[in-house]
C-alpha cells in the first residue's frame, strides 16, 4: 500500500533533510503535503534512500486499481495516464494514437489563440491542459498558425469541442487535429489537474486514444514513468529549420491580412531554436529584412550574412542542453559587437553565454495573462509566456543588469548588457496569442541597430 508524503519525509529524516537530499526547497515539501503526492522524477531518489518500492510511493496505483482501470467507464474513449498511475478518463478527438503520446503535462491559462498555442514550437514534448473551457469555438484556419505542424503532443480540455462560430474559420478543430496526427481528450476535470500541476509540479503522462478502444493501463503507466522529462533534453534541433531562408511577411491586419516588407532598413539574422512566425513578422514590420538560420548555425555562419543585428528565438527543451552548441555561436556574435536581442529560450541562452545559469521551474509560465514589471520604469506589462526554465539571477556576472521580473513568482524576465549591445526577455513580445503591451521591444532592437 502506498505510503503518505508525511511518512516519506519522516523516513528521509525530516523536512530539512528531505529537502537537502532531494535538492528541493521546503516550500516544495509543503506543496507535496498539500497535494498528497511527490513528483515522479523524485521517486528514484526516495526509493534509493529509504529502501521502499515503487508501489510504496504516494499516489502509486495498487494492483487492484490497475486491473480495474483497464476497462474504461461508459462513454470513455481516451485517457490520460500519469507516471504515478493516476488515470483520467475522457472522450477522445482528433487523431487516434497507436502507442499513446507521451510528454510533460502542463497547463495554459490563455483565453484565446489555442491554434497559435498548439503550433508554437516551444510546446514540443508537452501535453497542454487548457484551463479555458471553450475550445473549438473559433475553428481553425491557415493564417493563425505559428509553424507548419503542431508542436504539442496532445491537448486536454474540459468540455467537448464546440462547432466553429467565427467568420475566419475554414475547418473544424477536430478535423485539423486529425489531419495533423494529434490527439486530444475532453471531459477531464481540468481544474483538478491544473491544481495538481500547480502544487506538485508538471508530471509526465501519456495521452491514449486507441482506435480499438483497448487500454493497457500498466503499460501506459510504465511508458509515462520511463520518459526522462525535459531536463537535459535538447528539442531545438527537432523543431528548427534545416537550412537558411529569407522572410519578409509582416503582421496580420484587417482586412488585408499579412503584408510584405518591401523597403527594409536593416538586415537581421534570426537564429531558429523553434521560432514562431509572428516573431519574424514583427521583425519585418519593424523595418527589417530577415534571414532565418538553423539552431546549429555557428558564429561564422551567422556573421557571414553581414547582419545589422542578430535575433535569438524562442524554443523548447532545456537551455543547458541546447547551449552546448548555441552558446559558442552567441559568444562569437557578442565578440563581433553585433547588436543582439533574444526572447524565451534565446533569453536563457544569452544569459548562459554571458556567464549565468538556468534552472527548471516547478510549474512554468504558460498563458497570455502573465504580469511582468519593467524595473527601470515600474511599468507593468501583461505578457504572453511559455517556458519551463528560468535564468538564475544570482549567477549573472557584473555588467549584466536585471531589467524585468515576474509579478507571479519573482523569477527573472529580462536582462541587458549595454557594454555588449545585447538584451533579452523571457516572455513573448510578439504575442500570438496575447496582448501587445511588449511590442515596443522590437523598436528598442531597431534603435540599438541604429546606434
Protein backbone atom coordinates (compact mmCIF):
# COMPACT_ATOMS: atom_id res chain seq x y z
CA UNK A 1 0.00 0.00 0.00
CA UNK A 2 1.40 3.45 -0.85
CA UNK A 3 2.91 5.45 2.00
CA UNK A 4 1.88 9.03 2.78
CA UNK A 5 4.04 12.03 1.92
CA UNK A 6 4.45 12.68 5.64
CA UNK A 7 5.78 9.17 6.19
CA UNK A 8 8.25 9.54 3.31
CA UNK A 9 9.55 12.84 4.72
CA UNK A 10 9.92 11.22 8.15
CA UNK A 11 11.87 8.31 6.67
CA UNK A 12 14.21 10.81 4.98
CA UNK A 13 14.99 12.41 8.33
CA UNK A 14 12.53 15.27 8.46
CA UNK A 15 11.69 18.22 6.23
CA UNK A 16 15.16 19.85 6.13
CA UNK A 17 16.96 16.57 5.47
CA UNK A 18 14.42 15.51 2.84
CA UNK A 19 14.70 18.86 1.05
CA UNK A 20 18.51 18.67 1.04
CA UNK A 21 18.55 15.05 -0.13
CA UNK A 22 16.11 15.64 -3.00
CA UNK A 23 17.51 19.03 -4.00
CA UNK A 24 14.30 21.00 -3.41
CA UNK A 25 13.15 23.77 -1.09
CA UNK A 26 10.95 23.32 1.96
CA UNK A 27 8.22 25.17 0.03
CA UNK A 28 8.14 22.24 -2.40
CA UNK A 29 7.65 19.84 0.52
CA UNK A 30 4.72 21.93 1.73
CA UNK A 31 3.08 21.68 -1.67
CA UNK A 32 3.70 17.92 -1.79
CA UNK A 33 1.96 17.56 1.54
CA UNK A 34 -0.92 19.70 0.31
CA UNK A 35 -1.25 17.73 -2.92
CA UNK A 36 -0.54 14.38 -1.17
CA UNK A 37 1.88 13.42 -3.93
CA UNK A 38 5.60 13.50 -4.68
CA UNK A 39 6.59 14.29 -8.30
CA UNK A 40 7.59 11.09 -10.06
CA UNK A 41 11.03 12.44 -11.02
CA UNK A 42 11.99 12.24 -7.31
CA UNK A 43 10.82 8.65 -6.85
CA UNK A 44 14.20 7.02 -7.74
CA UNK A 45 16.00 9.13 -5.10
CA UNK A 46 13.34 8.38 -2.47
CA UNK A 47 13.44 4.65 -3.21
CA UNK A 48 17.26 4.58 -3.07
CA UNK A 49 17.35 6.46 0.25
CA UNK A 50 14.52 4.65 2.04
CA UNK A 51 14.56 1.15 0.59
CA UNK A 52 10.88 1.43 -0.33
CA UNK A 53 9.47 0.11 -3.62
CA UNK A 54 7.66 1.79 -6.48
CA UNK A 55 4.33 0.56 -5.10
CA UNK A 56 5.10 2.39 -1.81
CA UNK A 57 5.25 5.83 -3.44
CA UNK A 58 2.41 8.27 -2.63
CA UNK A 59 -0.11 8.06 -5.45
CA UNK A 60 1.18 4.79 -6.92
CA UNK A 61 -1.68 2.57 -8.13
CA UNK A 62 -2.42 -0.68 -6.40
CA UNK A 63 -2.59 -3.91 -8.41
CA UNK A 64 -6.38 -3.99 -7.98
CA UNK A 65 -6.73 -0.44 -9.27
CA UNK A 66 -4.60 -1.17 -12.31
CA UNK A 67 -6.59 -4.27 -13.22
CA UNK A 68 -9.92 -2.48 -12.84
CA UNK A 69 -8.91 0.61 -14.77
CA UNK A 70 -8.07 -1.36 -17.94
CA UNK A 71 -11.80 -1.28 -18.66
CA UNK A 72 -12.86 2.30 -19.49
CA UNK A 73 -16.02 3.74 -17.92
CA UNK A 74 -19.11 4.03 -20.09
CA UNK A 75 -18.63 6.63 -22.80
CA UNK A 76 -14.86 6.96 -22.27
CA UNK A 77 -12.74 6.55 -25.40
CA UNK A 78 -9.47 8.15 -24.25
CA UNK A 79 -7.36 8.51 -21.12
CA UNK A 80 -4.53 10.50 -19.61
CA UNK A 81 -2.28 8.14 -17.64
CA UNK A 82 0.26 9.81 -15.37
CA UNK A 83 3.56 8.29 -14.27
CA UNK A 84 2.26 7.80 -10.73
CA UNK A 85 -0.59 5.61 -12.04
CA UNK A 86 -3.34 8.23 -11.97
CA UNK A 87 -5.86 7.62 -14.76
CA UNK A 88 -8.11 10.41 -16.06
CA UNK A 89 -10.78 9.12 -18.44
CA UNK A 90 -12.48 11.17 -21.13
CA UNK A 91 -13.64 11.35 -24.72
CA UNK A 92 -11.06 11.37 -27.48
CA UNK A 93 -10.98 13.63 -30.53
CA UNK A 94 -8.53 14.42 -33.29
CA UNK A 95 -6.24 11.57 -34.39
CA UNK A 96 -6.10 8.14 -32.78
CA UNK A 97 -2.84 7.23 -31.05
CA UNK A 98 -1.37 3.83 -31.77
CA UNK A 99 1.01 3.74 -28.81
CA UNK A 100 -0.02 6.81 -26.82
CA UNK A 101 1.52 10.28 -26.90
CA UNK A 102 3.96 10.77 -24.02
CA UNK A 103 5.15 14.12 -22.68
CA UNK A 104 5.18 16.61 -19.81
CA UNK A 105 1.63 17.56 -18.82
CA UNK A 106 1.43 21.35 -18.40
CA UNK A 107 -1.37 23.91 -18.29
CA UNK A 108 -2.02 27.07 -20.29
CA UNK A 109 -4.18 29.87 -18.84
CA UNK A 110 -4.80 31.77 -22.07
CA UNK A 111 -8.38 32.53 -23.07
CA UNK A 112 -7.74 32.89 -26.81
CA UNK A 113 -5.47 31.54 -29.51
CA UNK A 114 -5.49 27.78 -28.99
CA UNK A 115 -4.38 27.28 -32.62
CA UNK A 116 -1.35 29.54 -32.15
CA UNK A 117 -0.57 27.79 -28.87
CA UNK A 118 -0.68 24.30 -30.37
CA UNK A 119 1.64 25.29 -33.24
CA UNK A 120 4.13 27.14 -31.00
CA UNK A 121 7.33 25.04 -31.32
CA UNK A 122 8.11 25.81 -27.67
CA UNK A 123 5.46 23.22 -26.71
CA UNK A 124 7.42 20.34 -28.22
CA UNK A 125 7.42 17.43 -25.77
CA UNK A 126 4.36 18.69 -23.87
CA UNK A 127 0.70 17.79 -23.46
CA UNK A 128 -1.27 21.01 -22.94
CA UNK A 129 -4.14 21.31 -20.46
CA UNK A 130 -6.27 24.30 -21.45
CA UNK A 131 -7.80 25.95 -18.38
CA UNK A 132 -10.26 27.90 -20.55
CA UNK A 133 -13.26 25.63 -21.21
CA UNK A 134 -14.43 26.85 -24.63
CA UNK A 135 -12.08 25.20 -27.09
CA UNK A 136 -13.05 24.79 -30.74
CA UNK A 137 -15.45 27.71 -30.91
CA UNK A 138 -13.38 29.68 -33.44
CA UNK A 139 -12.37 26.65 -35.50
CA UNK A 140 -9.09 26.59 -37.41
CA UNK A 141 -7.65 28.43 -40.41
CA UNK A 142 -4.41 28.61 -42.37
CA UNK A 143 -3.40 32.09 -41.11
CA UNK A 144 -3.36 31.54 -37.34
CA UNK A 145 -0.51 29.05 -37.23
CA UNK A 146 2.94 29.71 -35.82
CA UNK A 147 4.57 26.73 -37.57
CA UNK A 148 3.61 24.31 -40.32
CA UNK A 149 2.95 21.46 -37.88
CA UNK A 150 1.62 21.12 -34.34
CA UNK A 151 4.46 21.01 -31.83
CA UNK A 152 2.47 19.87 -28.79
CA UNK A 153 1.98 16.13 -28.27
CA UNK A 154 -1.68 16.42 -27.28
CA UNK A 155 -4.28 18.56 -25.57
CA UNK A 156 -6.64 18.18 -22.63
CA UNK A 157 -9.93 20.11 -22.38
CA UNK A 158 -12.93 20.13 -20.07
CA UNK A 159 -15.85 20.41 -22.48
CA UNK A 160 -16.43 18.71 -25.80
CA UNK A 161 -15.24 20.72 -28.80
CA UNK A 162 -17.82 23.26 -29.92
CA UNK A 163 -18.73 23.99 -33.52
CA UNK A 164 -16.81 26.85 -35.21
CA UNK A 165 -18.58 30.19 -34.91
CA UNK A 166 -16.04 32.56 -36.42
CA UNK A 167 -16.08 34.09 -39.88
CA UNK A 168 -12.40 33.25 -40.43
CA UNK A 169 -12.81 29.52 -39.69
CA UNK A 170 -12.19 27.17 -42.62
CA UNK A 171 -12.03 23.89 -40.69
CA UNK A 172 -13.32 22.23 -37.51
CA UNK A 173 -10.64 21.89 -34.82
CA UNK A 174 -11.25 18.12 -34.67
CA UNK A 175 -10.59 17.77 -38.42
CA UNK A 176 -7.48 19.96 -38.24
CA UNK A 177 -6.06 17.91 -35.36
CA UNK A 178 -6.83 14.65 -37.13
CA UNK A 179 -5.05 15.86 -40.27
CA UNK A 180 -2.04 16.83 -38.13
CA UNK A 181 -1.95 13.44 -36.38
CA UNK A 182 -2.53 14.90 -32.90
CA UNK A 183 -4.93 13.53 -30.28
CA UNK A 184 -7.00 15.35 -27.68
CA UNK A 185 -9.17 14.36 -24.77
CA UNK A 186 -12.33 16.09 -23.48
CA UNK A 187 -14.39 15.57 -20.35
CA UNK A 188 -11.42 15.84 -17.97
CA UNK A 189 -11.65 17.84 -14.72
CA UNK A 190 -9.05 20.33 -15.91
CA UNK A 191 -9.33 22.40 -12.73
CA UNK A 192 -8.29 19.44 -10.58
CA UNK A 193 -5.47 18.56 -12.98
CA UNK A 194 -4.24 22.17 -13.02
CA UNK A 195 -4.23 22.33 -9.22
CA UNK A 196 -2.26 19.10 -9.11
CA UNK A 197 0.34 20.53 -11.51
CA UNK A 198 0.46 23.78 -9.55
CA UNK A 199 1.04 22.05 -6.23
CA UNK A 200 3.23 19.08 -7.19
CA UNK A 201 4.89 20.13 -10.45
CA UNK A 202 4.30 19.08 -14.05
CA UNK A 203 4.00 15.28 -14.26
CA UNK A 204 4.86 13.00 -17.14
CA UNK A 205 1.83 11.47 -18.78
CA UNK A 206 0.57 9.51 -21.77
CA UNK A 207 -2.49 10.56 -23.78
CA UNK A 208 -4.07 7.37 -25.12
CA UNK A 209 -6.85 7.41 -27.75
CA UNK A 210 -6.69 3.92 -29.27
CA UNK A 211 -8.79 3.15 -32.35
CA UNK A 212 -9.80 -0.23 -30.92
CA UNK A 213 -10.81 1.22 -27.53
CA UNK A 214 -8.48 -1.10 -25.61
CA UNK A 215 -6.25 0.22 -22.81
CA UNK A 216 -3.29 -1.42 -21.08
CA UNK A 217 -3.02 0.87 -18.07
CA UNK A 218 0.04 -0.89 -16.62
CA UNK A 219 1.93 -0.49 -19.90
CA UNK A 220 0.86 3.16 -20.26
CA UNK A 221 1.95 3.90 -16.68
CA UNK A 222 5.32 2.30 -17.33
CA UNK A 223 5.65 4.30 -20.55
CA UNK A 224 4.99 7.54 -18.68
CA UNK A 225 7.37 6.64 -15.84
CA UNK A 226 10.15 5.75 -18.29
CA UNK A 227 10.04 9.07 -20.14
CA UNK A 228 13.08 11.07 -18.96
CA UNK A 229 11.43 14.50 -18.83
CA UNK A 230 12.54 17.81 -20.31
CA UNK A 231 15.57 18.39 -18.09
CA UNK A 232 18.68 17.67 -20.12
CA UNK A 233 16.66 17.36 -23.35
CA UNK A 234 17.66 19.31 -26.47
CA UNK A 235 14.50 19.74 -28.56
CA UNK A 236 15.58 22.81 -30.54
CA UNK A 237 17.24 20.63 -33.20
CA UNK A 238 13.93 18.83 -33.76
CA UNK A 239 11.86 21.96 -34.44
CA UNK A 240 14.45 24.21 -36.10
CA UNK A 241 14.73 24.78 -39.83
CA UNK A 242 17.43 22.78 -41.61
CA UNK A 243 18.75 25.49 -43.94
CA UNK A 244 18.67 29.32 -44.13
CA UNK A 245 15.72 31.08 -45.74
CA UNK A 246 14.52 34.69 -46.18
CA UNK A 247 11.43 36.19 -44.54
CA UNK A 248 9.55 39.39 -45.46
CA UNK A 249 5.93 38.75 -44.35
CA UNK A 250 4.57 41.39 -41.96
CA UNK A 251 1.97 41.17 -39.18
CA UNK A 252 -1.68 40.47 -39.94
CA UNK A 253 -4.02 43.46 -40.24
CA UNK A 254 -7.71 43.60 -41.08
CA UNK A 255 -8.93 43.50 -43.79
CA UNK A 256 -5.84 42.93 -45.96
CA UNK A 257 -4.27 40.12 -43.91
CA UNK A 258 -0.48 39.74 -43.99
CA UNK A 259 1.64 42.22 -45.92
CA UNK A 260 5.21 42.30 -47.26
CA UNK A 261 8.24 44.34 -46.24
CA UNK A 262 9.44 45.95 -49.47
CA UNK A 263 11.74 48.67 -48.13
CA UNK A 264 13.77 47.26 -45.20
CA UNK A 265 16.23 49.47 -43.37
CA UNK A 266 18.14 46.74 -41.57
CA UNK A 267 19.15 43.12 -42.07
CA UNK A 268 18.53 40.78 -39.13
CA UNK A 269 19.66 37.17 -38.84
CA UNK A 270 17.17 35.21 -36.73
CA UNK A 271 18.50 32.01 -35.15
CA UNK A 272 15.66 29.48 -35.20
CA UNK A 273 15.51 27.46 -31.99
CA UNK A 274 11.78 26.98 -32.63
CA UNK A 275 10.76 30.43 -33.84
CA UNK A 276 7.11 31.46 -34.05
CA UNK A 277 6.17 33.04 -37.34
CA UNK A 278 4.77 36.16 -35.69
CA UNK A 279 8.20 36.96 -34.28
CA UNK A 280 9.55 37.07 -37.82
CA UNK A 281 6.53 39.13 -38.91
CA UNK A 282 7.17 41.65 -36.11
CA UNK A 283 10.80 42.00 -37.17
CA UNK A 284 9.71 42.56 -40.78
CA UNK A 285 7.07 45.10 -39.69
CA UNK A 286 9.75 46.94 -37.71
CA UNK A 287 11.66 47.56 -40.96
CA UNK A 288 13.91 44.52 -41.14
CA UNK A 289 14.90 42.12 -43.86
CA UNK A 290 15.10 38.79 -42.06
CA UNK A 291 17.29 35.77 -42.79
CA UNK A 292 16.42 32.72 -40.70
CA UNK A 293 19.22 30.25 -39.90
CA UNK A 294 19.17 26.83 -38.15
CA UNK A 295 19.69 26.44 -34.41
CA UNK A 296 23.07 24.81 -35.05
CA UNK A 297 24.44 27.76 -37.06
CA UNK A 298 27.91 28.82 -35.90
CA UNK A 299 29.02 32.39 -35.30
CA UNK A 300 30.82 32.24 -38.64
CA UNK A 301 27.62 31.09 -40.37
CA UNK A 302 25.63 33.92 -38.78
CA UNK A 303 28.15 36.69 -39.37
CA UNK A 304 28.69 35.59 -42.98
CA UNK A 305 25.28 37.13 -43.75
CA UNK A 306 26.67 40.53 -42.60
CA UNK A 307 23.71 41.31 -40.32
CA UNK A 308 22.97 44.63 -38.67
CA UNK A 309 21.54 42.65 -35.76
CA UNK A 310 21.03 39.07 -34.58
CA UNK A 311 17.84 37.72 -33.03
CA UNK A 312 17.68 34.62 -30.79
CA UNK A 313 14.27 32.97 -30.95
CA UNK A 314 12.08 31.05 -28.56
CA UNK A 315 12.19 27.25 -28.48
CA UNK A 316 11.60 24.09 -26.43
CA UNK A 317 13.73 21.96 -24.14
CA UNK A 318 16.49 22.53 -21.61
CA UNK A 319 18.61 25.61 -22.39
CA UNK A 320 21.65 23.98 -20.80
CA UNK A 321 21.41 21.13 -23.35
CA UNK A 322 20.82 23.41 -26.34
CA UNK A 323 23.59 25.67 -25.07
CA UNK A 324 26.22 23.02 -25.86
CA UNK A 325 26.24 24.26 -29.46
CA UNK A 326 24.28 27.53 -29.22
CA UNK A 327 26.34 29.31 -26.57
CA UNK A 328 29.66 29.32 -28.51
CA UNK A 329 27.82 30.79 -31.51
CA UNK A 330 26.22 33.51 -29.36
CA UNK A 331 29.57 34.33 -27.74
CA UNK A 332 31.07 34.70 -31.21
CA UNK A 333 28.34 37.17 -32.22
CA UNK A 334 28.86 39.14 -28.99
CA UNK A 335 32.61 39.26 -29.64
CA UNK A 336 31.91 40.77 -33.05
CA UNK A 337 29.94 43.60 -31.43
CA UNK A 338 26.75 42.90 -33.40
CA UNK A 339 23.56 44.06 -31.60
CA UNK A 340 21.65 41.08 -30.22
CA UNK A 341 18.07 40.56 -28.98
CA UNK A 342 16.72 37.30 -27.51
CA UNK A 343 13.40 36.03 -26.22
CA UNK A 344 12.33 32.96 -24.23
CA UNK A 345 14.89 30.20 -24.94
CA UNK A 346 17.01 32.85 -26.67
CA UNK A 347 16.93 34.86 -23.41
CA UNK A 348 18.13 31.86 -21.42
CA UNK A 349 20.87 31.04 -23.93
CA UNK A 350 22.10 34.65 -23.89
CA UNK A 351 22.26 34.54 -20.09
CA UNK A 352 24.36 31.36 -20.25
CA UNK A 353 26.62 32.91 -22.90
CA UNK A 354 27.18 35.89 -20.58
CA UNK A 355 28.12 33.60 -17.67
CA UNK A 356 24.81 32.84 -15.97
CA UNK A 357 22.92 29.60 -15.36
CA UNK A 358 19.32 28.38 -15.67
CA UNK A 359 17.06 26.11 -13.60
CA UNK A 360 13.80 24.18 -14.04
CA UNK A 361 10.67 25.87 -12.73
CA UNK A 362 8.24 23.75 -10.73
CA UNK A 363 5.28 24.52 -12.98
CA UNK A 364 6.42 27.05 -15.59
CA UNK A 365 4.64 30.09 -17.02
CA UNK A 366 2.21 29.40 -19.84
CA UNK A 367 -0.56 31.74 -20.90
CA UNK A 368 -1.34 35.18 -22.27
CA UNK A 369 -2.02 36.92 -18.97
CA UNK A 370 1.34 36.97 -17.15
CA UNK A 371 2.23 40.24 -15.33
CA UNK A 372 5.83 41.44 -15.66
CA UNK A 373 7.37 44.62 -14.25
CA UNK A 374 9.94 46.75 -16.04
CA UNK A 375 12.30 47.53 -13.15
CA UNK A 376 13.61 50.74 -14.73
CA UNK A 377 10.22 52.39 -15.20
CA UNK A 378 7.99 50.49 -12.77
CA UNK A 379 5.59 49.86 -15.66
CA UNK A 380 3.68 46.58 -15.60
CA UNK A 381 3.18 44.66 -18.84
CA UNK A 382 0.68 41.85 -19.33
CA UNK A 383 2.63 39.34 -21.36
CA UNK A 384 2.34 36.09 -23.28
CA UNK A 385 4.63 33.36 -21.96
CA UNK A 386 5.54 29.74 -22.46
CA UNK A 387 8.58 28.43 -20.62
CA UNK A 388 9.52 25.81 -18.06
CA UNK A 389 13.05 27.06 -17.29
CA UNK A 390 14.29 30.38 -15.94
CA UNK A 391 17.50 32.37 -15.53
CA UNK A 392 19.07 32.26 -12.08
CA UNK A 393 19.72 35.94 -11.32
CA UNK A 394 22.25 35.10 -8.60
CA UNK A 395 24.59 33.66 -11.22
CA UNK A 396 24.64 36.67 -13.55
CA UNK A 397 28.06 38.37 -13.72
CA UNK A 398 28.86 42.02 -13.14
CA UNK A 399 27.79 44.19 -16.03
CA UNK A 400 24.61 42.23 -16.72
CA UNK A 401 21.54 44.11 -15.48
CA UNK A 402 18.22 42.57 -14.48
CA UNK A 403 15.56 44.56 -16.37
CA UNK A 404 12.25 42.71 -15.84
CA UNK A 405 10.78 40.45 -13.17
CA UNK A 406 7.68 38.26 -12.91
CA UNK A 407 4.98 39.53 -10.57
CA UNK A 408 3.70 35.95 -10.15
CA UNK A 409 6.75 34.32 -8.58
CA UNK A 410 9.57 36.90 -8.75
CA UNK A 411 11.57 34.95 -11.33
CA UNK A 412 13.73 36.70 -13.90
CA UNK A 413 12.02 38.07 -17.02
CA UNK A 414 14.71 40.18 -18.66
CA UNK A 415 18.39 41.13 -18.76
CA UNK A 416 20.59 43.65 -20.56
CA UNK A 417 24.31 44.16 -21.07
CA UNK A 418 24.80 47.62 -22.63
CA UNK A 419 28.56 47.18 -22.91
CA UNK A 420 27.98 44.24 -25.27
CA UNK A 421 24.95 45.68 -27.13
CA UNK A 422 22.53 42.94 -26.12
CA UNK A 423 19.30 42.46 -24.22
CA UNK A 424 16.65 39.77 -23.84
CA UNK A 425 13.31 38.97 -22.23
CA UNK A 426 11.80 35.73 -21.00
CA UNK A 427 8.34 36.43 -22.40
CA UNK A 428 6.93 36.73 -25.95
CA UNK A 429 6.64 40.37 -27.13
CA UNK A 430 5.13 39.18 -30.43
CA UNK A 431 2.16 37.65 -28.54
CA UNK A 432 0.03 35.47 -30.89
CA UNK A 433 -1.86 34.82 -28.80
CA UNK A 434 -1.73 37.56 -26.23
CA UNK A 435 -1.62 41.30 -25.58
CA UNK A 436 0.56 43.77 -27.47
CA UNK A 437 1.97 45.53 -24.38
CA UNK A 438 5.53 44.47 -25.25
CA UNK A 439 5.69 45.24 -28.97
CA UNK A 440 7.92 48.21 -28.10
CA UNK A 441 10.84 45.81 -27.65
CA UNK A 442 11.16 45.36 -31.41
CA UNK A 443 11.50 49.14 -31.67
CA UNK A 444 14.18 49.02 -28.97
CA UNK A 445 16.09 46.46 -31.03
CA UNK A 446 15.87 48.68 -34.13
CA UNK A 447 17.11 51.65 -32.09
CA UNK A 448 20.08 49.58 -30.95
CA UNK A 449 20.94 48.78 -34.59
CA UNK A 450 20.60 52.47 -35.48
CA UNK A 451 23.04 53.33 -32.71
